[in-house]
Amino acid sequence: SFGTPVTDMDMLMGAVAQYAMRAGEKLRQHGLVAGRLTVFFHTNR
């Protein structure tokens, strides 16, 4: 979750970039590869 709402796509991409890099790191730690990626985002429900 974000500290403040994100209204700019580049800022959102900055966050998602971190998540994607961290996901890749976790895969390598477990000796795995992935075949499908899902990216999601939403407002405060």
PDB file of all heavy atoms in Angstrom:
ATOM      1  N   SER A   1       0.853  -1.183   0.000  1.00  0.00           N
ATOM      2  CA  SER A   1       0.000   0.000   0.000  1.00  0.00           C
ATOM      3  C   SER A   1       0.893   1.238   0.000  1.00  0.00           C
ATOM      4  O   SER A   1       2.011   1.204   0.522  1.00  0.00           O
ATOM      5  CB  SER A   1      -0.908   0.002   1.226  1.00  0.00           C
ATOM      6  OG  SER A   1      -1.799  -1.103   1.207  1.00  0.00           O
ATOM      7  N   PHE A   2       0.410   2.315  -0.572  1.00  0.00           N
ATOM      8  CA  PHE A   2       1.193   3.541  -0.685  1.00  0.00           C
ATOM      9  C   PHE A   2       0.940   4.478   0.494  1.00  0.00           C
ATOM     10  O   PHE A   2      -0.166   4.524   1.035  1.00  0.00           O
ATOM     11  CB  PHE A   2       0.860   4.271  -1.988  1.00  0.00           C
ATOM     12  CG  PHE A   2       1.118   3.467  -3.226  1.00  0.00           C
ATOM     13  CD1 PHE A   2       0.290   3.582  -4.335  1.00  0.00           C
ATOM     14  CD2 PHE A   2       2.180   2.580  -3.291  1.00  0.00           C
ATOM     15  CE1 PHE A   2       0.513   2.834  -5.480  1.00  0.00           C
ATOM     16  CE2 PHE A   2       2.413   1.832  -4.428  1.00  0.00           C
ATOM     17  CZ  PHE A   2       1.580   1.956  -5.530  1.00  0.00           C
ATOM     18  N   GLY A   3       1.979   5.227   0.850  1.00  0.00           N
ATOM     19  CA  GLY A   3       1.830   6.201   1.924  1.00  0.00           C
ATOM     20  C   GLY A   3       0.877   7.319   1.564  1.00  0.00           C
ATOM     21  O   GLY A   3       0.122   7.806   2.402  1.00  0.00           O
ATOM     22  N   THR A   4       0.908   7.746   0.317  1.00  0.00           N
ATOM     23  CA  THR A   4      -0.010   8.762  -0.199  1.00  0.00           C
ATOM     24  C   THR A   4      -0.529   8.291  -1.553  1.00  0.00           C
ATOM     25  O   THR A   4       0.174   7.580  -2.284  1.00  0.00           O
ATOM     26  CB  THR A   4       0.692  10.127  -0.368  1.00  0.00           C
ATOM     27  OG1 THR A   4       1.854   9.974  -1.213  1.00  0.00           O
ATOM     28  CG2 THR A   4       1.133  10.671   0.980  1.00  0.00           C
ATOM     29  N   PRO A   5      -1.753   8.664  -1.936  1.00  0.00           N
ATOM     30  CA  PRO A   5      -2.289   8.231  -3.226  1.00  0.00           C
ATOM     31  C   PRO A   5      -1.401   8.664  -4.382  1.00  0.00           C
ATOM     32  O   PRO A   5      -0.866   9.774  -4.399  1.00  0.00           O
ATOM     33  CB  PRO A   5      -3.664   8.907  -3.280  1.00  0.00           C
ATOM     34  CG  PRO A   5      -4.034   9.132  -1.854  1.00  0.00           C
ATOM     35  CD  PRO A   5      -2.747   9.434  -1.156  1.00  0.00           C
ATOM     36  N   VAL A   6      -1.246   7.783  -5.350  1.00  0.00           N
ATOM     37  CA  VAL A   6      -0.422   8.035  -6.526  1.00  0.00           C
ATOM     38  C   VAL A   6      -1.335   8.402  -7.687  1.00  0.00           C
ATOM     39  O   VAL A   6      -2.252   7.653  -8.038  1.00  0.00           O
ATOM     40  CB  VAL A   6       0.418   6.795  -6.872  1.00  0.00           C
ATOM     41  CG1 VAL A   6       1.103   6.949  -8.219  1.00  0.00           C
ATOM     42  CG2 VAL A   6       1.454   6.539  -5.781  1.00  0.00           C
ATOM     43  N   THR A   7      -1.072   9.547  -8.301  1.00  0.00           N
ATOM     44  CA  THR A   7      -1.902  10.032  -9.409  1.00  0.00           C
ATOM     45  C   THR A   7      -1.133  10.137 -10.716  1.00  0.00           C
ATOM     46  O   THR A   7      -1.686  10.541 -11.733  1.00  0.00           O
ATOM     47  CB  THR A   7      -2.488  11.409  -9.072  1.00  0.00           C
ATOM     48  OG1 THR A   7      -1.421  12.326  -8.783  1.00  0.00           O
ATOM     49  CG2 THR A   7      -3.406  11.322  -7.848  1.00  0.00           C
ATOM     50  N   ASP A   8       0.144   9.754 -10.699  1.00  0.00           N
ATOM     51  CA  ASP A   8       1.005   9.871 -11.871  1.00  0.00           C
ATOM     52  C   ASP A   8       1.479   8.483 -12.283  1.00  0.00           C
ATOM     53  O   ASP A   8       1.953   7.702 -11.447  1.00  0.00           O
ATOM     54  CB  ASP A   8       2.202  10.774 -11.542  1.00  0.00           C
ATOM     55  CG  ASP A   8       3.160  10.919 -12.713  1.00  0.00           C
ATOM     56  OD1 ASP A   8       2.850  11.684 -13.633  1.00  0.00           O
ATOM     57  OD2 ASP A   8       4.221  10.250 -12.694  1.00  0.00           O
ATOM     58  N   MET A   9       1.379   8.165 -13.586  1.00  0.00           N
ATOM     59  CA  MET A   9       1.757   6.832 -14.033  1.00  0.00           C
ATOM     60  C   MET A   9       3.238   6.541 -13.824  1.00  0.00           C
ATOM     61  O   MET A   9       3.619   5.434 -13.469  1.00  0.00           O
ATOM     62  CB  MET A   9       1.395   6.644 -15.517  1.00  0.00           C
ATOM     63  CG  MET A   9       1.514   5.169 -15.948  1.00  0.00           C
ATOM     64  SD  MET A   9       1.237   4.841 -17.698  1.00  0.00           S
ATOM     65  CE  MET A   9       2.824   5.330 -18.344  1.00  0.00           C
ATOM     66  N   ASP A  10       4.094   7.522 -14.040  1.00  0.00           N
ATOM     67  CA  ASP A  10       5.522   7.301 -13.842  1.00  0.00           C
ATOM     68  C   ASP A  10       5.834   6.980 -12.378  1.00  0.00           C
ATOM     69  O   ASP A  10       6.688   6.140 -12.092  1.00  0.00           O
ATOM     70  CB  ASP A  10       6.325   8.519 -14.301  1.00  0.00           C
ATOM     71  CG  ASP A  10       6.336   8.680 -15.807  1.00  0.00           C
ATOM     72  OD1 ASP A  10       6.116   7.665 -16.514  1.00  0.00           O
ATOM     73  OD2 ASP A  10       6.554   9.813 -16.293  1.00  0.00           O
ATOM     74  N   MET A  11       5.141   7.648 -11.467  1.00  0.00           N
ATOM     75  CA  MET A  11       5.350   7.354 -10.052  1.00  0.00           C
ATOM     76  C   MET A  11       4.859   5.952  -9.715  1.00  0.00           C
ATOM     77  O   MET A  11       5.509   5.211  -8.973  1.00  0.00           O
ATOM     78  CB  MET A  11       4.627   8.390  -9.179  1.00  0.00           C
ATOM     79  CG  MET A  11       5.028   8.319  -7.702  1.00  0.00           C
ATOM     80  SD  MET A  11       4.167   9.558  -6.698  1.00  0.00           S
ATOM     81  CE  MET A  11       4.847  11.056  -7.417  1.00  0.00           C
ATOM     82  N   LEU A  12       3.710   5.573 -10.270  1.00  0.00           N
ATOM     83  CA  LEU A  12       3.206   4.212 -10.080  1.00  0.00           C
ATOM     84  C   LEU A  12       4.185   3.198 -10.635  1.00  0.00           C
ATOM     85  O   LEU A  12       4.465   2.174 -10.013  1.00  0.00           O
ATOM     86  CB  LEU A  12       1.841   4.054 -10.760  1.00  0.00           C
ATOM     87  CG  LEU A  12       1.248   2.630 -10.740  1.00  0.00           C
ATOM     88  CD1 LEU A  12       0.971   2.166  -9.319  1.00  0.00           C
ATOM     89  CD2 LEU A  12      -0.031   2.561 -11.583  1.00  0.00           C
ATOM     90  N   MET A  13       4.751   3.505 -11.798  1.00  0.00           N
ATOM     91  CA  MET A  13       5.712   2.601 -12.415  1.00  0.00           C
ATOM     92  C   MET A  13       6.975   2.456 -11.561  1.00  0.00           C
ATOM     93  O   MET A  13       7.588   1.397 -11.523  1.00  0.00           O
ATOM     94  CB  MET A  13       6.062   3.099 -13.822  1.00  0.00           C
ATOM     95  CG  MET A  13       6.743   2.054 -14.703  1.00  0.00           C
ATOM     96  SD  MET A  13       5.695   0.601 -14.961  1.00  0.00           S
ATOM     97  CE  MET A  13       6.832  -0.705 -14.466  1.00  0.00           C
ATOM     98  N   GLY A  14       7.359   3.543 -10.878  1.00  0.00           N
ATOM     99  CA  GLY A  14       8.502   3.463  -9.986  1.00  0.00           C
ATOM    100  C   GLY A  14       8.280   2.452  -8.879  1.00  0.00           C
ATOM    101  O   GLY A  14       9.171   1.668  -8.529  1.00  0.00           O
ATOM    102  N   ALA A  15       7.067   2.452  -8.321  1.00  0.00           N
ATOM    103  CA  ALA A  15       6.735   1.485  -7.274  1.00  0.00           C
ATOM    104  C   ALA A  15       6.692   0.069  -7.835  1.00  0.00           C
ATOM    105  O   ALA A  15       7.271  -0.860  -7.267  1.00  0.00           O
ATOM    106  CB  ALA A  15       5.395   1.844  -6.640  1.00  0.00           C
ATOM    107  N   VAL A  16       6.010  -0.104  -8.971  1.00  0.00           N
ATOM    108  CA  VAL A  16       5.887  -1.433  -9.562  1.00  0.00           C
ATOM    109  C   VAL A  16       7.247  -1.963 -10.001  1.00  0.00           C
ATOM    110  O   VAL A  16       7.509  -3.162  -9.941  1.00  0.00           O
ATOM    111  CB  VAL A  16       4.877  -1.409 -10.733  1.00  0.00           C
ATOM    112  CG1 VAL A  16       4.892  -2.734 -11.495  1.00  0.00           C
ATOM    113  CG2 VAL A  16       3.477  -1.110 -10.221  1.00  0.00           C
ATOM    114  N   ALA A  17       8.149  -1.073 -10.413  1.00  0.00           N
ATOM    115  CA  ALA A  17       9.501  -1.496 -10.770  1.00  0.00           C
ATOM    116  C   ALA A  17      10.185  -2.149  -9.574  1.00  0.00           C
ATOM    117  O   ALA A  17      10.850  -3.184  -9.702  1.00  0.00           O
ATOM    118  CB  ALA A  17      10.323  -0.302 -11.266  1.00  0.00           C
ATOM    119  N   GLN A  18      10.022  -1.554  -8.405  1.00  0.00           N
ATOM    120  CA  GLN A  18      10.600  -2.150  -7.206  1.00  0.00           C
ATOM    121  C   GLN A  18      10.001  -3.522  -6.941  1.00  0.00           C
ATOM    122  O   GLN A  18      10.723  -4.477  -6.624  1.00  0.00           O
ATOM    123  CB  GLN A  18      10.361  -1.248  -5.993  1.00  0.00           C
ATOM    124  CG  GLN A  18      10.890  -1.864  -4.698  1.00  0.00           C
ATOM    125  CD  GLN A  18      10.532  -1.059  -3.480  1.00  0.00           C
ATOM    126  OE1 GLN A  18      10.579   0.178  -3.504  1.00  0.00           O
ATOM    127  NE2 GLN A  18      10.159  -1.732  -2.400  1.00  0.00           N
ATOM    128  N   TYR A  19       8.685  -3.654  -7.080  1.00  0.00           N
ATOM    129  CA  TYR A  19       8.034  -4.928  -6.807  1.00  0.00           C
ATOM    130  C   TYR A  19       8.495  -6.006  -7.792  1.00  0.00           C
ATOM    131  O   TYR A  19       8.717  -7.155  -7.408  1.00  0.00           O
ATOM    132  CB  TYR A  19       6.516  -4.777  -6.863  1.00  0.00           C
ATOM    133  CG  TYR A  19       5.956  -3.669  -6.000  1.00  0.00           C
ATOM    134  CD1 TYR A  19       4.720  -3.103  -6.295  1.00  0.00           C
ATOM    135  CD2 TYR A  19       6.659  -3.163  -4.913  1.00  0.00           C
ATOM    136  CE1 TYR A  19       4.193  -2.087  -5.516  1.00  0.00           C
ATOM    137  CE2 TYR A  19       6.142  -2.140  -4.131  1.00  0.00           C
ATOM    138  CZ  TYR A  19       4.912  -1.600  -4.448  1.00  0.00           C
ATOM    139  OH  TYR A  19       4.394  -0.587  -3.696  1.00  0.00           O
ATOM    140  N   ALA A  20       8.627  -5.635  -9.074  1.00  0.00           N
ATOM    141  CA  ALA A  20       9.060  -6.602 -10.084  1.00  0.00           C
ATOM    142  C   ALA A  20      10.488  -7.062  -9.819  1.00  0.00           C
ATOM    143  O   ALA A  20      10.800  -8.255  -9.922  1.00  0.00           O
ATOM    144  CB  ALA A  20       8.951  -5.981 -11.475  1.00  0.00           C
ATOM    145  N   MET A  21      11.365  -6.123  -9.458  1.00  0.00           N
ATOM    146  CA  MET A  21      12.750  -6.491  -9.167  1.00  0.00           C
ATOM    147  C   MET A  21      12.833  -7.371  -7.926  1.00  0.00           C
ATOM    148  O   MET A  21      13.599  -8.338  -7.879  1.00  0.00           O
ATOM    149  CB  MET A  21      13.608  -5.238  -8.993  1.00  0.00           C
ATOM    150  CG  MET A  21      13.737  -4.371 -10.249  1.00  0.00           C
ATOM    151  SD  MET A  21      14.503  -5.226 -11.644  1.00  0.00           S
ATOM    152  CE  MET A  21      16.184  -5.406 -11.038  1.00  0.00           C
ATOM    153  N   ARG A  22      12.043  -7.047  -6.916  1.00  0.00           N
ATOM    154  CA  ARG A  22      12.017  -7.867  -5.704  1.00  0.00           C
ATOM    155  C   ARG A  22      11.451  -9.256  -5.992  1.00  0.00           C
ATOM    156  O   ARG A  22      11.945 -10.252  -5.480  1.00  0.00           O
ATOM    157  CB  ARG A  22      11.189  -7.163  -4.633  1.00  0.00           C
ATOM    158  CG  ARG A  22      10.995  -7.964  -3.345  1.00  0.00           C
ATOM    159  CD  ARG A  22      12.299  -8.375  -2.715  1.00  0.00           C
ATOM    160  NE  ARG A  22      12.059  -9.169  -1.504  1.00  0.00           N
ATOM    161  CZ  ARG A  22      12.893 -10.103  -1.073  1.00  0.00           C
ATOM    162  NH1 ARG A  22      14.024 -10.367  -1.742  1.00  0.00           N
ATOM    163  NH2 ARG A  22      12.617 -10.777   0.019  1.00  0.00           N
ATOM    164  N   ALA A  23      10.431  -9.343  -6.840  1.00  0.00           N
ATOM    165  CA  ALA A  23       9.868 -10.640  -7.220  1.00  0.00           C
ATOM    166  C   ALA A  23      10.907 -11.497  -7.925  1.00  0.00           C
ATOM    167  O   ALA A  23      11.031 -12.704  -7.671  1.00  0.00           O
ATOM    168  CB  ALA A  23       8.638 -10.434  -8.105  1.00  0.00           C
ATOM    169  N   GLY A  24      11.684 -10.885  -8.840  1.00  0.00           N
ATOM    170  CA  GLY A  24      12.747 -11.614  -9.512  1.00  0.00           C
ATOM    171  C   GLY A  24      13.793 -12.114  -8.536  1.00  0.00           C
ATOM    172  O   GLY A  24      14.293 -13.241  -8.650  1.00  0.00           O
ATOM    173  N   GLU A  25      14.133 -11.281  -7.549  1.00  0.00           N
ATOM    174  CA  GLU A  25      15.102 -11.676  -6.527  1.00  0.00           C
ATOM    175  C   GLU A  25      14.598 -12.877  -5.732  1.00  0.00           C
ATOM    176  O   GLU A  25      15.356 -13.820  -5.460  1.00  0.00           O
ATOM    177  CB  GLU A  25      15.375 -10.495  -5.602  1.00  0.00           C
ATOM    178  CG  GLU A  25      16.449 -10.747  -4.556  1.00  0.00           C
ATOM    179  CD  GLU A  25      16.671  -9.540  -3.655  1.00  0.00           C
ATOM    180  OE1 GLU A  25      16.201  -8.438  -4.002  1.00  0.00           O
ATOM    181  OE2 GLU A  25      17.297  -9.709  -2.601  1.00  0.00           O
ATOM    182  N   LYS A  26      13.315 -12.875  -5.371  1.00  0.00           N
ATOM    183  CA  LYS A  26      12.735 -13.990  -4.627  1.00  0.00           C
ATOM    184  C   LYS A  26      12.735 -15.270  -5.464  1.00  0.00           C
ATOM    185  O   LYS A  26      13.012 -16.364  -4.950  1.00  0.00           O
ATOM    186  CB  LYS A  26      11.319 -13.648  -4.175  1.00  0.00           C
ATOM    187  CG  LYS A  26      11.263 -12.561  -3.102  1.00  0.00           C
ATOM    188  CD  LYS A  26       9.853 -12.077  -2.841  1.00  0.00           C
ATOM    189  CE  LYS A  26       8.999 -13.136  -2.155  1.00  0.00           C
ATOM    190  NZ  LYS A  26       7.647 -12.592  -1.781  1.00  0.00           N
ATOM    191  N   LEU A  27      12.437 -15.139  -6.750  1.00  0.00           N
ATOM    192  CA  LEU A  27      12.488 -16.309  -7.630  1.00  0.00           C
ATOM    193  C   LEU A  27      13.889 -16.917  -7.633  1.00  0.00           C
ATOM    194  O   LEU A  27      14.059 -18.133  -7.520  1.00  0.00           O
ATOM    195  CB  LEU A  27      12.089 -15.931  -9.055  1.00  0.00           C
ATOM    196  CG  LEU A  27      10.608 -15.689  -9.352  1.00  0.00           C
ATOM    197  CD1 LEU A  27      10.451 -15.206 -10.790  1.00  0.00           C
ATOM    198  CD2 LEU A  27       9.785 -16.962  -9.149  1.00  0.00           C
ATOM    199  N   ARG A  28      14.908 -16.075  -7.774  1.00  0.00           N
ATOM    200  CA  ARG A  28      16.286 -16.564  -7.839  1.00  0.00           C
ATOM    201  C   ARG A  28      16.710 -17.197  -6.514  1.00  0.00           C
ATOM    202  O   ARG A  28      17.436 -18.186  -6.504  1.00  0.00           O
ATOM    203  CB  ARG A  28      17.229 -15.428  -8.227  1.00  0.00           C
ATOM    204  CG  ARG A  28      16.994 -14.896  -9.640  1.00  0.00           C
ATOM    205  CD  ARG A  28      18.083 -13.931 -10.093  1.00  0.00           C
ATOM    206  NE  ARG A  28      18.102 -12.694  -9.325  1.00  0.00           N
ATOM    207  CZ  ARG A  28      17.333 -11.641  -9.558  1.00  0.00           C
ATOM    208  NH1 ARG A  28      16.452 -11.656 -10.561  1.00  0.00           N
ATOM    209  NH2 ARG A  28      17.433 -10.540  -8.813  1.00  0.00           N
ATOM    210  N   GLN A  29      16.232 -16.650  -5.410  1.00  0.00           N
ATOM    211  CA  GLN A  29      16.551 -17.220  -4.103  1.00  0.00           C
ATOM    212  C   GLN A  29      16.029 -18.644  -3.981  1.00  0.00           C
ATOM    213  O   GLN A  29      16.651 -19.492  -3.338  1.00  0.00           O
ATOM    214  CB  GLN A  29      15.968 -16.346  -2.991  1.00  0.00           C
ATOM    215  CG  GLN A  29      16.696 -15.029  -2.785  1.00  0.00           C
ATOM    216  CD  GLN A  29      15.994 -14.136  -1.788  1.00  0.00           C
ATOM    217  OE1 GLN A  29      14.860 -14.377  -1.379  1.00  0.00           O
ATOM    218  NE2 GLN A  29      16.671 -13.061  -1.375  1.00  0.00           N
ATOM    219  N   HIS A  30      14.885 -18.912  -4.594  1.00  0.00           N
ATOM    220  CA  HIS A  30      14.273 -20.233  -4.524  1.00  0.00           C
ATOM    221  C   HIS A  30      14.611 -21.120  -5.719  1.00  0.00           C
ATOM    222  O   HIS A  30      14.108 -22.241  -5.825  1.00  0.00           O
ATOM    223  CB  HIS A  30      12.754 -20.096  -4.398  1.00  0.00           C
ATOM    224  CG  HIS A  30      12.289 -19.522  -3.091  1.00  0.00           C
ATOM    225  ND1 HIS A  30      12.077 -20.278  -1.957  1.00  0.00           N
ATOM    226  CD2 HIS A  30      12.025 -18.248  -2.733  1.00  0.00           C
ATOM    227  CE1 HIS A  30      11.674 -19.505  -0.971  1.00  0.00           C
ATOM    228  NE2 HIS A  30      11.632 -18.263  -1.408  1.00  0.00           N
ATOM    229  N   GLY A  31      15.452 -20.627  -6.640  1.00  0.00           N
ATOM    230  CA  GLY A  31      15.827 -21.417  -7.805  1.00  0.00           C
ATOM    231  C   GLY A  31      14.683 -21.679  -8.757  1.00  0.00           C
ATOM    232  O   GLY A  31      14.610 -22.735  -9.374  1.00  0.00           O
ATOM    233  N   LEU A  32      13.784 -20.694  -8.913  1.00  0.00           N
ATOM    234  CA  LEU A  32      12.580 -20.856  -9.724  1.00  0.00           C
ATOM    235  C   LEU A  32      12.537 -19.862 -10.874  1.00  0.00           C
ATOM    236  O   LEU A  32      13.233 -18.841 -10.863  1.00  0.00           O
ATOM    237  CB  LEU A  32      11.330 -20.673  -8.857  1.00  0.00           C
ATOM    238  CG  LEU A  32      11.167 -21.594  -7.640  1.00  0.00           C
ATOM    239  CD1 LEU A  32       9.990 -21.141  -6.790  1.00  0.00           C
ATOM    240  CD2 LEU A  32      10.962 -23.044  -8.089  1.00  0.00           C
ATOM    241  N   VAL A  33      11.704 -20.171 -11.863  1.00  0.00           N
ATOM    242  CA  VAL A  33      11.332 -19.229 -12.912  1.00  0.00           C
ATOM    243  C   VAL A  33       9.816 -19.187 -12.982  1.00  0.00           C
ATOM    244  O   VAL A  33       9.130 -20.120 -12.536  1.00  0.00           O
ATOM    245  CB  VAL A  33      11.927 -19.625 -14.287  1.00  0.00           C
ATOM    246  CG1 VAL A  33      13.432 -19.495 -14.284  1.00  0.00           C
ATOM    247  CG2 VAL A  33      11.498 -21.033 -14.689  1.00  0.00           C
ATOM    248  N   ALA A  34       9.282 -18.095 -13.524  1.00  0.00           N
ATOM    249  CA  ALA A  34       7.838 -17.912 -13.626  1.00  0.00           C
ATOM    250  C   ALA A  34       7.399 -17.940 -15.075  1.00  0.00           C
ATOM    251  O   ALA A  34       8.146 -17.536 -15.973  1.00  0.00           O
ATOM    252  CB  ALA A  34       7.416 -16.600 -12.970  1.00  0.00           C
ATOM    253  N   GLY A  35       6.150 -18.399 -15.296  1.00  0.00           N
ATOM    254  CA  GLY A  35       5.593 -18.443 -16.639  1.00  0.00           C
ATOM    255  C   GLY A  35       4.493 -17.431 -16.873  1.00  0.00           C
ATOM    256  O   GLY A  35       4.072 -17.226 -18.015  1.00  0.00           O
ATOM    257  N   ARG A  36       4.013 -16.795 -15.783  1.00  0.00           N
ATOM    258  CA  ARG A  36       2.926 -15.831 -15.942  1.00  0.00           C
ATOM    259  C   ARG A  36       3.078 -14.721 -14.906  1.00  0.00           C
ATOM    260  O   ARG A  36       3.405 -14.983 -13.741  1.00  0.00           O
ATOM    261  CB  ARG A  36       1.575 -16.523 -15.782  1.00  0.00           C
ATOM    262  CG  ARG A  36       0.388 -15.642 -16.169  1.00  0.00           C
ATOM    263  CD  ARG A  36      -0.869 -16.445 -16.400  1.00  0.00           C
ATOM    264  NE  ARG A  36      -1.381 -16.995 -15.164  1.00  0.00           N
ATOM    265  CZ  ARG A  36      -1.660 -18.268 -14.938  1.00  0.00           C
ATOM    266  NH1 ARG A  36      -1.459 -19.123 -15.912  1.00  0.00           N
ATOM    267  NH2 ARG A  36      -2.128 -18.698 -13.786  1.00  0.00           N
ATOM    268  N   LEU A  37       2.847 -13.475 -15.337  1.00  0.00           N
ATOM    269  CA  LEU A  37       2.935 -12.314 -14.453  1.00  0.00           C
ATOM    270  C   LEU A  37       1.610 -11.561 -14.476  1.00  0.00           C
ATOM    271  O   LEU A  37       1.035 -11.335 -15.544  1.00  0.00           O
ATOM    272  CB  LEU A  37       4.076 -11.388 -14.892  1.00  0.00           C
ATOM    273  CG  LEU A  37       4.270 -10.067 -14.115  1.00  0.00           C
ATOM    274  CD1 LEU A  37       5.754  -9.729 -14.040  1.00  0.00           C
ATOM    275  CD2 LEU A  37       3.509  -8.904 -14.764  1.00  0.00           C
ATOM    276  N   THR A  38       1.151 -11.193 -13.290  1.00  0.00           N
ATOM    277  CA  THR A  38      -0.037 -10.358 -13.153  1.00  0.00           C
ATOM    278  C   THR A  38       0.347  -9.085 -12.417  1.00  0.00           C
ATOM    279  O   THR A  38       0.985  -9.138 -11.364  1.00  0.00           O
ATOM    280  CB  THR A  38      -1.144 -11.084 -12.366  1.00  0.00           C
ATOM    281  OG1 THR A  38      -1.562 -12.251 -13.091  1.00  0.00           O
ATOM    282  CG2 THR A  38      -2.349 -10.171 -12.169  1.00  0.00           C
ATOM    283  N   VAL A  39      -0.011  -7.938 -12.988  1.00  0.00           N
ATOM    284  CA  VAL A  39       0.203  -6.660 -12.329  1.00  0.00           C
ATOM    285  C   VAL A  39      -1.168  -6.048 -12.049  1.00  0.00           C
ATOM    286  O   VAL A  39      -2.084  -6.147 -12.871  1.00  0.00           O
ATOM    287  CB  VAL A  39       1.077  -5.716 -13.190  1.00  0.00           C
ATOM    288  CG1 VAL A  39       0.420  -5.425 -14.532  1.00  0.00           C
ATOM    289  CG2 VAL A  39       1.374  -4.412 -12.451  1.00  0.00           C
ATOM    290  N   PHE A  40      -1.327  -5.472 -10.857  1.00  0.00           N
ATOM    291  CA  PHE A  40      -2.614  -4.883 -10.508  1.00  0.00           C
ATOM    292  C   PHE A  40      -2.405  -3.585  -9.746  1.00  0.00           C
ATOM    293  O   PHE A  40      -1.342  -3.344  -9.156  1.00  0.00           O
ATOM    294  CB  PHE A  40      -3.444  -5.854  -9.660  1.00  0.00           C
ATOM    295  CG  PHE A  40      -2.977  -5.981  -8.235  1.00  0.00           C
ATOM    296  CD1 PHE A  40      -3.450  -5.128  -7.240  1.00  0.00           C
ATOM    297  CD2 PHE A  40      -2.048  -6.941  -7.884  1.00  0.00           C
ATOM    298  CE1 PHE A  40      -3.012  -5.225  -5.931  1.00  0.00           C
ATOM    299  CE2 PHE A  40      -1.592  -7.045  -6.570  1.00  0.00           C
ATOM    300  CZ  PHE A  40      -2.084  -6.178  -5.590  1.00  0.00           C
ATOM    301  N   PHE A  41      -3.402  -2.746  -9.733  1.00  0.00           N
ATOM    302  CA  PHE A  41      -3.417  -1.544  -8.901  1.00  0.00           C
ATOM    303  C   PHE A  41      -4.859  -1.105  -8.721  1.00  0.00           C
ATOM    304  O   PHE A  41      -5.725  -1.401  -9.549  1.00  0.00           O
ATOM    305  CB  PHE A  41      -2.564  -0.412  -9.506  1.00  0.00           C
ATOM    306  CG  PHE A  41      -2.927  -0.018 -10.913  1.00  0.00           C
ATOM    307  CD1 PHE A  41      -3.837   1.009 -11.152  1.00  0.00           C
ATOM    308  CD2 PHE A  41      -2.346  -0.651 -12.000  1.00  0.00           C
ATOM    309  CE1 PHE A  41      -4.157   1.390 -12.453  1.00  0.00           C
ATOM    310  CE2 PHE A  41      -2.661  -0.277 -13.303  1.00  0.00           C
ATOM    311  CZ  PHE A  41      -3.566   0.732 -13.530  1.00  0.00           C
ATOM    312  N   HIS A  42      -5.130  -0.402  -7.611  1.00  0.00           N
ATOM    313  CA  HIS A  42      -6.498   0.055  -7.366  1.00  0.00           C
ATOM    314  C   HIS A  42      -6.513   1.233  -6.398  1.00  0.00           C
ATOM    315  O   HIS A  42      -5.527   1.506  -5.690  1.00  0.00           O
ATOM    316  CB  HIS A  42      -7.385  -1.076  -6.837  1.00  0.00           C
ATOM    317  CG  HIS A  42      -6.934  -1.716  -5.555  1.00  0.00           C
ATOM    318  ND1 HIS A  42      -7.044  -1.092  -4.319  1.00  0.00           N
ATOM    319  CD2 HIS A  42      -6.385  -2.933  -5.303  1.00  0.00           C
ATOM    320  CE1 HIS A  42      -6.582  -1.883  -3.388  1.00  0.00           C
ATOM    321  NE2 HIS A  42      -6.173  -3.011  -3.951  1.00  0.00           N
ATOM    322  N   THR A  43      -7.630   1.910  -6.346  1.00  0.00           N
ATOM    323  CA  THR A  43      -7.873   3.006  -5.420  1.00  0.00           C
ATOM    324  C   THR A  43      -8.283   2.452  -4.055  1.00  0.00           C
ATOM    325  O   THR A  43      -8.400   1.240  -3.878  1.00  0.00           O
ATOM    326  CB  THR A  43      -8.963   3.931  -5.962  1.00  0.00           C
ATOM    327  OG1 THR A  43     -10.138   3.128  -6.264  1.00  0.00           O
ATOM    328  CG2 THR A  43      -8.515   4.618  -7.251  1.00  0.00           C
ATOM    329  N   ASN A  44      -8.520   3.366  -3.103  1.00  0.00           N
ATOM    330  CA  ASN A  44      -8.946   2.966  -1.765  1.00  0.00           C
ATOM    331  C   ASN A  44     -10.417   2.576  -1.803  1.00  0.00           C
ATOM    332  O   ASN A  44     -11.293   3.422  -1.936  1.00  0.00           O
ATOM    333  CB  ASN A  44      -8.717   4.114  -0.775  1.00  0.00           C
ATOM    334  CG  ASN A  44      -8.931   3.683   0.667  1.00  0.00           C
ATOM    335  OD1 ASN A  44      -9.652   2.729   0.956  1.00  0.00           O
ATOM    336  ND2 ASN A  44      -8.293   4.380   1.595  1.00  0.00           N
ATOM    337  N   ARG A  45     -10.678   1.293  -1.643  1.00  0.00           N
ATOM    338  CA  ARG A  45     -12.041   0.786  -1.757  1.00  0.00           C
ATOM    339  C   ARG A  45     -12.920   1.197  -0.588  1.00  0.00           C
ATOM    340  O   ARG A  45     -14.154   1.069  -0.654  1.00  0.00           O
ATOM    341  CB  ARG A  45     -12.004  -0.729  -1.876  1.00  0.00           C
ATOM    342  CG  ARG A  45     -11.312  -1.211  -3.148  1.00  0.00           C
ATOM    343  CD  ARG A  45     -10.897  -2.664  -3.062  1.00  0.00           C
ATOM    344  NE  ARG A  45     -10.251  -3.111  -4.284  1.00  0.00           N
ATOM    345  CZ  ARG A  45      -9.557  -4.243  -4.399  1.00  0.00           C
ATOM    346  NH1 ARG A  45      -9.408  -5.018  -3.353  1.00  0.00           N
ATOM    347  NH2 ARG A  45      -9.003  -4.582  -5.554  1.00  0.00           N
TER     348      ARG A  45
END
